[in-house]
Every structure is written in structure tokens, then in C-alpha cells.
C-alpha atoms as a PDB file:
ATOM      1  CA  MET A   1     101.995 100.808  94.546  1.00  0.00           C
ATOM      2  CA  VAL A   2     105.644 100.993  93.323  1.00  0.00           C
ATOM      3  CA  ILE A   3     104.465 101.652  89.875  1.00  0.00           C
ATOM      4  CA  ILE A   4     102.335 104.477  90.848  1.00  0.00           C
ATOM      5  CA  MET A   5     105.104 106.038  92.981  1.00  0.00           C
ATOM      6  CA  VAL A   6     107.490 105.622  89.897  1.00  0.00           C
ATOM      7  CA  GLN A   7     105.056 107.407  87.681  1.00  0.00           C
ATOM      8  CA  ILE A   8     104.683 110.115  90.168  1.00  0.00           C
ATOM      9  CA  ALA A   9     108.280 110.646  90.219  1.00  0.00           C
ATOM     10  CA  LEU A  10     108.688 110.892  86.503  1.00  0.00           C
ATOM     11  CA  ILE A  11     106.012 113.219  86.286  1.00  0.00           C
ATOM     12  CA  GLY A  12     107.658 115.351  89.071  1.00  0.00           C
ATOM     13  CA  ILE A  13     110.934 115.385  87.103  1.00  0.00           C
ATOM     14  CA  ILE A  14     109.318 116.153  83.765  1.00  0.00           C
ATOM     15  CA  VAL A  15     107.427 119.099  85.334  1.00  0.00           C
ATOM     16  CA  VAL A  16     110.649 120.334  86.845  1.00  0.00           C
ATOM     17  CA  LEU A  17     112.614 120.064  83.585  1.00  0.00           C
ATOM     18  CA  MET A  18     109.703 121.796  81.775  1.00  0.00           C
ATOM     19  CA  ALA A  19     109.740 124.620  84.409  1.00  0.00           C
ATOM     20  CA  ILE A  20     113.313 125.197  84.225  1.00  0.00           C
ATOM     21  CA  GLN A  21     113.025 125.620  80.452  1.00  0.00           C
ATOM     22  CA  PHE A  22     110.584 128.457  80.786  1.00  0.00           C
ATOM     23  CA  LYS A  23     112.094 130.081  83.889  1.00  0.00           C
ATOM     24  CA  ASN A  24     114.464 132.265  82.183  1.00  0.00           C
ATOM     25  CA  THR A  25     112.190 133.502  79.340  1.00  0.00           C
ATOM     26  CA  LYS A  26     108.690 133.247  80.844  1.00  0.00           C
ATOM     27  CA  SER A  27     108.842 132.869  84.496  1.00  0.00           C
ATOM     28  CA  GLU A  28     105.088 132.937  85.035  1.00  0.00           C
ATOM     29  CA  TYR A  29     104.779 129.938  82.771  1.00  0.00           C
ATOM     30  CA  ALA A  30     107.183 128.069  84.972  1.00  0.00           C
ATOM     31  CA  LEU A  31     104.969 128.634  87.897  1.00  0.00           C
ATOM     32  CA  TYR A  32     101.925 127.551  86.057  1.00  0.00           C
ATOM     33  CA  ILE A  33     103.591 124.478  85.001  1.00  0.00           C
ATOM     34  CA  SER A  34     104.584 123.612  88.567  1.00  0.00           C
ATOM     35  CA  LEU A  35     101.053 124.230  89.855  1.00  0.00           C
ATOM     36  CA  VAL A  36      99.446 122.068  87.116  1.00  0.00           C
ATOM     37  CA  GLY A  37     102.201 119.381  88.012  1.00  0.00           C
ATOM     38  CA  CYS A  38     101.448 119.692  91.731  1.00  0.00           C
ATOM     39  CA  MET A  39      97.797 119.324  91.052  1.00  0.00           C
ATOM     40  CA  LEU A  40      98.185 116.252  88.969  1.00  0.00           C
ATOM     41  CA  ILE A  41     100.498 114.630  91.438  1.00  0.00           C
ATOM     42  CA  PHE A  42      98.017 115.322  94.073  1.00  0.00           C
ATOM     43  CA  TYR A  43      95.093 113.763  92.006  1.00  0.00           C
ATOM     44  CA  LEU A  44      97.325 110.424  91.605  1.00  0.00           C
ATOM     45  CA  GLY A  45      98.311 110.562  95.295  1.00  0.00           C
ATOM     46  CA  ILE A  46      94.742 111.197  96.723  1.00  0.00           C
ATOM     47  CA  ASN A  47      93.913 107.452  95.983  1.00  0.00           C
ATOM     48  CA  LYS A  48      96.302 106.458  98.779  1.00  0.00           C
ATOM     49  CA  LEU A  49      93.964 108.088 101.172  1.00  0.00           C
ATOM     50  CA  ASP A  50      91.355 105.395 100.519  1.00  0.00           C
ATOM     51  CA  VAL A  51      93.869 102.585 101.365  1.00  0.00           C
ATOM     52  CA  ILE A  52      94.708 104.625 104.628  1.00  0.00           C
ATOM     53  CA  ILE A  53      90.956 105.026 105.690  1.00  0.00           C
ATOM     54  CA  ASN A  54      90.278 101.428 104.927  1.00  0.00           C
ATOM     55  CA  SER A  55      93.228 100.271 107.124  1.00  0.00           C
ATOM     56  CA  ILE A  56      92.151 102.394 110.013  1.00  0.00           C
ATOM     57  CA  LYS A  57      88.621 101.155 109.824  1.00  0.00           C
ATOM     58  CA  LYS A  58      90.087  97.539 109.876  1.00  0.00           C
ATOM     59  CA  ILE A  59      92.111  98.602 112.900  1.00  0.00           C
ATOM     60  CA  GLN A  60      89.068  99.911 114.440  1.00  0.00           C
ATOM     61  CA  THR A  61      87.291  96.488 114.155  1.00  0.00           C
ATOM     62  CA  TYR A  62      90.054  95.125 116.480  1.00  0.00           C
ATOM     63  CA  ILE A  63      90.303  97.879 118.988  1.00  0.00           C
ATOM     64  CA  ASN A  64      87.380  99.789 120.208  1.00  0.00           C
ATOM     65  CA  PHE A  65      87.900 103.404 120.369  1.00  0.00           C
ATOM     66  CA  ASN A  66      86.041 106.639 119.531  1.00  0.00           C
ATOM     67  CA  GLN A  67      85.234 107.375 115.849  1.00  0.00           C
ATOM     68  CA  THR A  68      85.841 111.001 116.673  1.00  0.00           C
ATOM     69  CA  TYR A  69      89.531 110.292 117.013  1.00  0.00           C
ATOM     70  CA  ILE A  70      89.665 108.894 113.463  1.00  0.00           C
ATOM     71  CA  SER A  71      87.996 111.952 112.003  1.00  0.00           C
ATOM     72  CA  ILE A  72      90.344 114.036 114.015  1.00  0.00           C
ATOM     73  CA  LEU A  73      93.263 111.970 112.573  1.00  0.00           C
ATOM     74  CA  ILE A  74      91.943 112.501 108.872  1.00  0.00           C
ATOM     75  CA  LYS A  75      91.549 116.326 109.501  1.00  0.00           C
ATOM     76  CA  ILE A  76      94.983 116.670 110.699  1.00  0.00           C
ATOM     77  CA  ILE A  77      96.418 114.635 107.560  1.00  0.00           C
ATOM     78  CA  GLY A  78      94.441 117.057 105.422  1.00  0.00           C
ATOM     79  CA  ILE A  79      95.566 120.153 107.165  1.00  0.00           C
ATOM     80  CA  THR A  80      99.101 118.906 106.923  1.00  0.00           C
ATOM     81  CA  TYR A  81      98.823 118.322 103.352  1.00  0.00           C
ATOM     82  CA  ILE A  82      97.282 121.628 102.420  1.00  0.00           C
ATOM     83  CA  ALA A  83      99.604 123.634 104.506  1.00  0.00           C
ATOM     84  CA  GLU A  84     102.802 122.063 103.095  1.00  0.00           C
ATOM     85  CA  PHE A  85     101.320 122.128  99.475  1.00  0.00           C
ATOM     86  CA  SER A  86     100.427 125.801  99.778  1.00  0.00           C
ATOM     87  CA  SER A  87     103.651 126.698 101.417  1.00  0.00           C
ATOM     88  CA  ASN A  88     105.999 124.968  98.753  1.00  0.00           C
ATOM     89  CA  ILE A  89     104.117 126.864  96.105  1.00  0.00           C
ATOM     90  CA  CYS A  90     104.616 130.220  97.835  1.00  0.00           C
ATOM     91  CA  LYS A  91     108.372 129.250  98.333  1.00  0.00           C
ATOM     92  CA  ASP A  92     108.535 128.380  94.787  1.00  0.00           C
ATOM     93  CA  SER A  93     107.292 131.873  93.813  1.00  0.00           C
ATOM     94  CA  GLY A  94     109.892 133.552  96.060  1.00  0.00           C
ATOM     95  CA  HIS A  95     107.391 134.606  98.971  1.00  0.00           C
ATOM     96  CA  THR A  96     109.231 132.745 101.653  1.00  0.00           C
ATOM     97  CA  ALA A  97     107.606 135.018 104.435  1.00  0.00           C
ATOM     98  CA  VAL A  98     104.190 134.132 103.353  1.00  0.00           C
ATOM     99  CA  ALA A  99     105.089 130.428 103.193  1.00  0.00           C
ATOM    100  CA  ASN A 100     106.456 130.609 106.816  1.00  0.00           C
ATOM    101  CA  GLN A 101     103.254 132.081 108.082  1.00  0.00           C
ATOM    102  CA  ILE A 102     101.103 129.427 106.309  1.00  0.00           C
ATOM    103  CA  GLU A 103     103.404 126.689 107.967  1.00  0.00           C
ATOM    104  CA  LEU A 104     103.046 128.294 111.421  1.00  0.00           C
ATOM    105  CA  VAL A 105      99.262 128.589 110.884  1.00  0.00           C
ATOM    106  CA  GLY A 106      99.199 124.966 109.783  1.00  0.00           C
ATOM    107  CA  LYS A 107     100.955 123.865 112.927  1.00  0.00           C
ATOM    108  CA  LEU A 108      98.710 125.905 115.230  1.00  0.00           C
ATOM    109  CA  THR A 109      95.726 124.447 113.414  1.00  0.00           C
ATOM    110  CA  ILE A 110      96.875 120.975 113.837  1.00  0.00           C
ATOM    111  CA  LEU A 111      97.529 121.617 117.678  1.00  0.00           C
ATOM    112  CA  ALA A 112      94.079 122.918 118.066  1.00  0.00           C
ATOM    113  CA  THR A 113      92.379 120.165 116.066  1.00  0.00           C
ATOM    114  CA  GLY A 114      94.388 117.661 118.143  1.00  0.00           C
ATOM    115  CA  MET A 115      93.451 119.124 121.427  1.00  0.00           C
ATOM    116  CA  PRO A 116      90.369 116.808 122.219  1.00  0.00           C
ATOM    117  CA  ILE A 117      92.657 113.827 121.792  1.00  0.00           C
ATOM    118  CA  LEU A 118      95.253 115.369 124.231  1.00  0.00           C
ATOM    119  CA  MET A 119      92.352 116.211 126.700  1.00  0.00           C
ATOM    120  CA  ALA A 120      91.067 112.725 126.480  1.00  0.00           C
ATOM    121  CA  LEU A 121      94.651 111.257 127.139  1.00  0.00           C
ATOM    122  CA  LEU A 122      94.897 113.611 130.137  1.00  0.00           C
ATOM    123  CA  ASP A 123      91.626 112.653 131.515  1.00  0.00           C
ATOM    124  CA  THR A 124      92.582 108.981 131.223  1.00  0.00           C
ATOM    125  CA  ILE A 125      95.859 109.568 133.059  1.00  0.00           C
ATOM    126  CA  ASN A 126      94.041 111.566 135.740  1.00  0.00           C
ATOM    127  CA  GLU A 127      91.575 108.531 136.244  1.00  0.00           C
ATOM    128  CA  PHE A 128      94.432 106.213 136.774  1.00  0.00           C
ATOM    129  CA  LEU A 129      96.206 108.535 139.283  1.00  0.00           C
ATOM    130  CA  THR A 130      93.081 109.178 141.356  1.00  0.00           C
ATOM    131  CA  ALA A 131      91.710 105.563 141.321  1.00  0.00           C
END
């Protein structure tokens, strides 16, 4: 795992150095290099999701809870990553206002996606209080 993280860090540093070289002469190339680097890092990092899902499934064998909560958790992780990724690309392009709106909508989407978990928690608390 450490070796993969070192590889990802090196790729990131190389991409940034290449983008800096092109920024003054061909700024659009710097953006393209950055975008390709982000996609490469995403591809290398997506393998970690498999480890996380397997760990969650193992935990689920120990504790009995609803499968819906697992899918909501995975959706929230995906929403977070997509919002952060796209927001950072917009910030790198100099469009901070668009990036802030993406972050805001991402947070609202996470809140809406996690609402069933909050409602189940409140129902459980209500059951304990009324019993």
C-alpha cells in the first residue's frame, strides 16, 4: 500500500512540474496535463475502494445491520470524491465561483443521501424514549 502511495505522489509531483513548464507558454496544455494526471491518479486510487468494500462486508458479518446503509455510505464516498475532484479542477482553471457552487451542491447531495440514516437513528431514539 505504501509503494502505491509513493507512486501516486511521484505521479502528482511530475504532473505538477510538467504543468508549471507549460503554464506560461501554453496555459491550456497545463490544464490538460493536470486533468490527465488527475485521471491517472484516480485510476490508481480506485483499487482502494475494493479493499474498503471488502472490509465493510466483513464488518457486516460481525454486526447485523441493513444493507441499505452500506450502499448509502458508498454513495456518499462517491459523491464526496466527485465533488472534490471537479471542484479542484475548476479552482485550477481559475473558476472559484463555480468550484464553490459544486462544493455546496455536493454537501447538499450528501445530506440528502444520508437522510435515511438520520431518520432511522431518530426513529431508534424515539423508540427508546417511548418504551
